[in-house]
C-alpha atoms as a PDB file:
ATOM      1  CA  MET A   1       8.631  17.305   3.250  1.00  0.00           C
ATOM      2  CA  SER A   2       5.190  15.911   3.807  1.00  0.00           C
ATOM      3  CA  ASN A   3       3.807  15.715   7.317  1.00  0.00           C
ATOM      4  CA  LYS A   4       2.251  12.255   6.808  1.00  0.00           C
ATOM      5  CA  LEU A   5       4.360   9.325   7.995  1.00  0.00           C
ATOM      6  CA  TYR A   6       4.290   5.588   7.361  1.00  0.00           C
ATOM      7  CA  VAL A   7       4.969   3.471  10.468  1.00  0.00           C
ATOM      8  CA  GLY A   8       5.846  -0.178   9.823  1.00  0.00           C
ATOM      9  CA  GLY A   9       6.864  -2.989  12.138  1.00  0.00           C
ATOM     10  CA  LEU A  10       4.119  -2.263  14.641  1.00  0.00           C
ATOM     11  CA  PRO A  11       3.272  -5.005  17.119  1.00  0.00           C
ATOM     12  CA  TYR A  12      -0.117  -6.504  16.245  1.00  0.00           C
ATOM     13  CA  SER A  13      -1.350  -5.391  19.661  1.00  0.00           C
ATOM     14  CA  ALA A  14      -0.553  -1.695  19.010  1.00  0.00           C
ATOM     15  CA  THR A  15      -3.452   0.735  19.299  1.00  0.00           C
ATOM     16  CA  GLU A  16      -4.016   4.145  17.760  1.00  0.00           C
ATOM     17  CA  GLY A  17      -3.724   5.638  21.243  1.00  0.00           C
ATOM     18  CA  GLN A  18      -0.265   4.119  21.714  1.00  0.00           C
ATOM     19  CA  LEU A  19       0.796   5.369  18.288  1.00  0.00           C
ATOM     20  CA  GLN A  20      -0.420   8.875  19.100  1.00  0.00           C
ATOM     21  CA  GLU A  21       1.363   8.850  22.456  1.00  0.00           C
ATOM     22  CA  LEU A  22       4.631   7.603  20.925  1.00  0.00           C
ATOM     23  CA  PHE A  23       4.715  10.363  18.294  1.00  0.00           C
ATOM     24  CA  ALA A  24       3.386  13.149  20.562  1.00  0.00           C
ATOM     25  CA  ALA A  25       6.800  13.298  22.251  1.00  0.00           C
ATOM     26  CA  HIS A  26       8.155  14.674  18.946  1.00  0.00           C
ATOM     27  CA  GLY A  27       5.468  17.201  18.005  1.00  0.00           C
ATOM     28  CA  THR A  28       1.754  17.727  17.543  1.00  0.00           C
ATOM     29  CA  VAL A  29      -0.020  14.661  16.188  1.00  0.00           C
ATOM     30  CA  GLU A  30      -2.937  15.531  13.908  1.00  0.00           C
ATOM     31  CA  SER A  31      -4.011  11.894  13.444  1.00  0.00           C
ATOM     32  CA  ALA A  32      -2.811   8.356  14.096  1.00  0.00           C
ATOM     33  CA  LYS A  33      -4.250   5.301  12.341  1.00  0.00           C
ATOM     34  CA  VAL A  34      -3.377   1.618  12.734  1.00  0.00           C
ATOM     35  CA  ILE A  35      -4.383  -0.297   9.603  1.00  0.00           C
ATOM     36  CA  SER A  36      -6.386  -3.442  10.243  1.00  0.00           C
ATOM     37  CA  ASP A  37      -7.608  -6.304   8.106  1.00  0.00           C
ATOM     38  CA  LYS A  38     -11.094  -5.543   6.840  1.00  0.00           C
ATOM     39  CA  PHE A  39     -12.319  -9.086   7.451  1.00  0.00           C
ATOM     40  CA  THR A  40     -10.727 -10.054  10.772  1.00  0.00           C
ATOM     41  CA  GLY A  41     -10.188  -6.617  12.293  1.00  0.00           C
ATOM     42  CA  GLN A  42      -6.653  -7.626  13.353  1.00  0.00           C
ATOM     43  CA  SER A  43      -3.845  -5.106  12.939  1.00  0.00           C
ATOM     44  CA  ARG A  44      -1.778  -5.535   9.774  1.00  0.00           C
ATOM     45  CA  GLY A  45       1.363  -4.309  11.562  1.00  0.00           C
ATOM     46  CA  PHE A  46       1.557  -0.842  10.062  1.00  0.00           C
ATOM     47  CA  GLY A  47      -0.110   2.533  10.280  1.00  0.00           C
ATOM     48  CA  PHE A  48       0.062   6.216   9.455  1.00  0.00           C
ATOM     49  CA  VAL A  49       0.682   9.283  11.579  1.00  0.00           C
ATOM     50  CA  GLU A  50       0.082  12.846  10.470  1.00  0.00           C
ATOM     51  CA  MET A  51       2.135  15.494  12.244  1.00  0.00           C
ATOM     52  CA  SER A  52       1.236  19.193  12.226  1.00  0.00           C
ATOM     53  CA  SER A  53       4.326  20.199  10.191  1.00  0.00           C
ATOM     54  CA  GLY A  54       7.003  18.756   7.960  1.00  0.00           C
ATOM     55  CA  ALA A  55       9.671  19.739  10.488  1.00  0.00           C
ATOM     56  CA  GLU A  56       7.929  17.772  13.249  1.00  0.00           C
ATOM     57  CA  ALA A  57       7.536  14.822  10.897  1.00  0.00           C
ATOM     58  CA  GLN A  58      11.267  14.887  10.123  1.00  0.00           C
ATOM     59  CA  LYS A  59      12.062  15.081  13.841  1.00  0.00           C
ATOM     60  CA  ALA A  60       9.849  12.040  14.507  1.00  0.00           C
ATOM     61  CA  ILE A  61      11.510  10.054  11.702  1.00  0.00           C
ATOM     62  CA  GLN A  62      14.970  10.774  13.088  1.00  0.00           C
ATOM     63  CA  ALA A  63      13.925   9.920  16.648  1.00  0.00           C
ATOM     64  CA  LEU A  64      11.822   6.801  16.045  1.00  0.00           C
ATOM     65  CA  ASN A  65      13.041   5.022  12.903  1.00  0.00           C
ATOM     66  CA  GLY A  66      14.854   1.843  13.957  1.00  0.00           C
ATOM     67  CA  THR A  67      13.676   1.976  17.572  1.00  0.00           C
ATOM     68  CA  GLN A  68      11.918  -0.898  19.358  1.00  0.00           C
ATOM     69  CA  LEU A  69       8.274  -1.106  20.386  1.00  0.00           C
ATOM     70  CA  ASP A  70       7.268  -4.266  22.276  1.00  0.00           C
ATOM     71  CA  GLY A  71      10.230  -6.142  20.777  1.00  0.00           C
ATOM     72  CA  ARG A  72       9.611  -5.087  17.169  1.00  0.00           C
ATOM     73  CA  THR A  73      11.768  -2.678  15.190  1.00  0.00           C
ATOM     74  CA  LEU A  74       9.852   0.301  13.844  1.00  0.00           C
ATOM     75  CA  VAL A  75      10.275   1.616  10.316  1.00  0.00           C
ATOM     76  CA  VAL A  76       9.269   5.273  10.151  1.00  0.00           C
ATOM     77  CA  ASN A  77       9.477   7.263   6.943  1.00  0.00           C
ATOM     78  CA  GLU A  78       7.575   9.693   4.781  1.00  0.00           C
ATOM     79  CA  ALA A  79       4.339   8.180   3.506  1.00  0.00           C
ATOM     80  CA  LYS A  80       4.137   7.826  -0.241  1.00  0.00           C
ATOM     81  CA  PRO A  81       0.898   8.467  -2.126  1.00  0.00           C
ATOM     82  CA  MET A  82      -1.184   5.350  -2.566  1.00  0.00           C
ATOM     83  CA  GLU A  83      -0.719   3.864  -6.026  1.00  0.00           C
ATOM     84  CA  ARG A  84      -3.771   3.366  -8.180  1.00  0.00           C
ATOM     85  CA  ARG A  85      -4.793  -0.263  -8.386  1.00  0.00           C
ATOM     86  CA  ASP A  86      -6.757  -1.643 -11.287  1.00  0.00           C
ATOM     87  CA  GLY A  87      -9.394  -4.094 -10.167  1.00  0.00           C
ATOM     88  CA  GLY A  88      -8.273  -7.582 -11.068  1.00  0.00           C
ATOM     89  CA  GLY A  89     -11.220  -9.499  -9.668  1.00  0.00           C
ATOM     90  CA  GLY A  90     -14.794  -9.742 -10.647  1.00  0.00           C
ATOM     91  CA  ARG A  91     -16.453 -11.661 -13.432  1.00  0.00           C
ATOM     92  CA  GLY A  92     -15.909 -10.230 -16.838  1.00  0.00           C
ATOM     93  CA  ALA A  93     -16.944 -11.690 -20.150  1.00  0.00           C
ATOM     94  CA  ARG A  94     -13.768 -13.782 -20.269  1.00  0.00           C
ATOM     95  CA  SER A  95     -13.313 -14.594 -16.611  1.00  0.00           C
ATOM     96  CA  GLY A  96     -14.212 -18.269 -17.013  1.00  0.00           C
ATOM     97  CA  GLY A  97     -15.539 -20.436 -14.266  1.00  0.00           C
ATOM     98  CA  GLY A  98     -19.159 -21.057 -13.599  1.00  0.00           C
ATOM     99  CA  ARG A  99     -21.777 -21.443 -16.248  1.00  0.00           C
ATOM    100  CA  ASP A 100     -23.201 -18.815 -18.523  1.00  0.00           C
ATOM    101  CA  ARG A 101     -26.850 -18.158 -17.874  1.00  0.00           C
ATOM    102  CA  TRP A 102     -28.485 -16.867 -21.017  1.00  0.00           C
END
């Protein structure tokens, strides 16, 4: 088992410090990150926690998955590797819109 965990259902007011404190009761937390919108800076309601071992990660999943934090139900499970995304934006030769400037 991986030691990196996905944490969903976070209250938008949750901080990385609160996330670290919550998981520290179940083992050594290597890192805790709340994901925020890159434009507004507001929390997106999920984050990632890295525990020091797979056993501690499993213990945290069993203890915290389905529990409440500030009235929201947490989803805690093993983080999956980020899927590769092909860029869909930008202006290619056939993107249309605008005027060609030759």
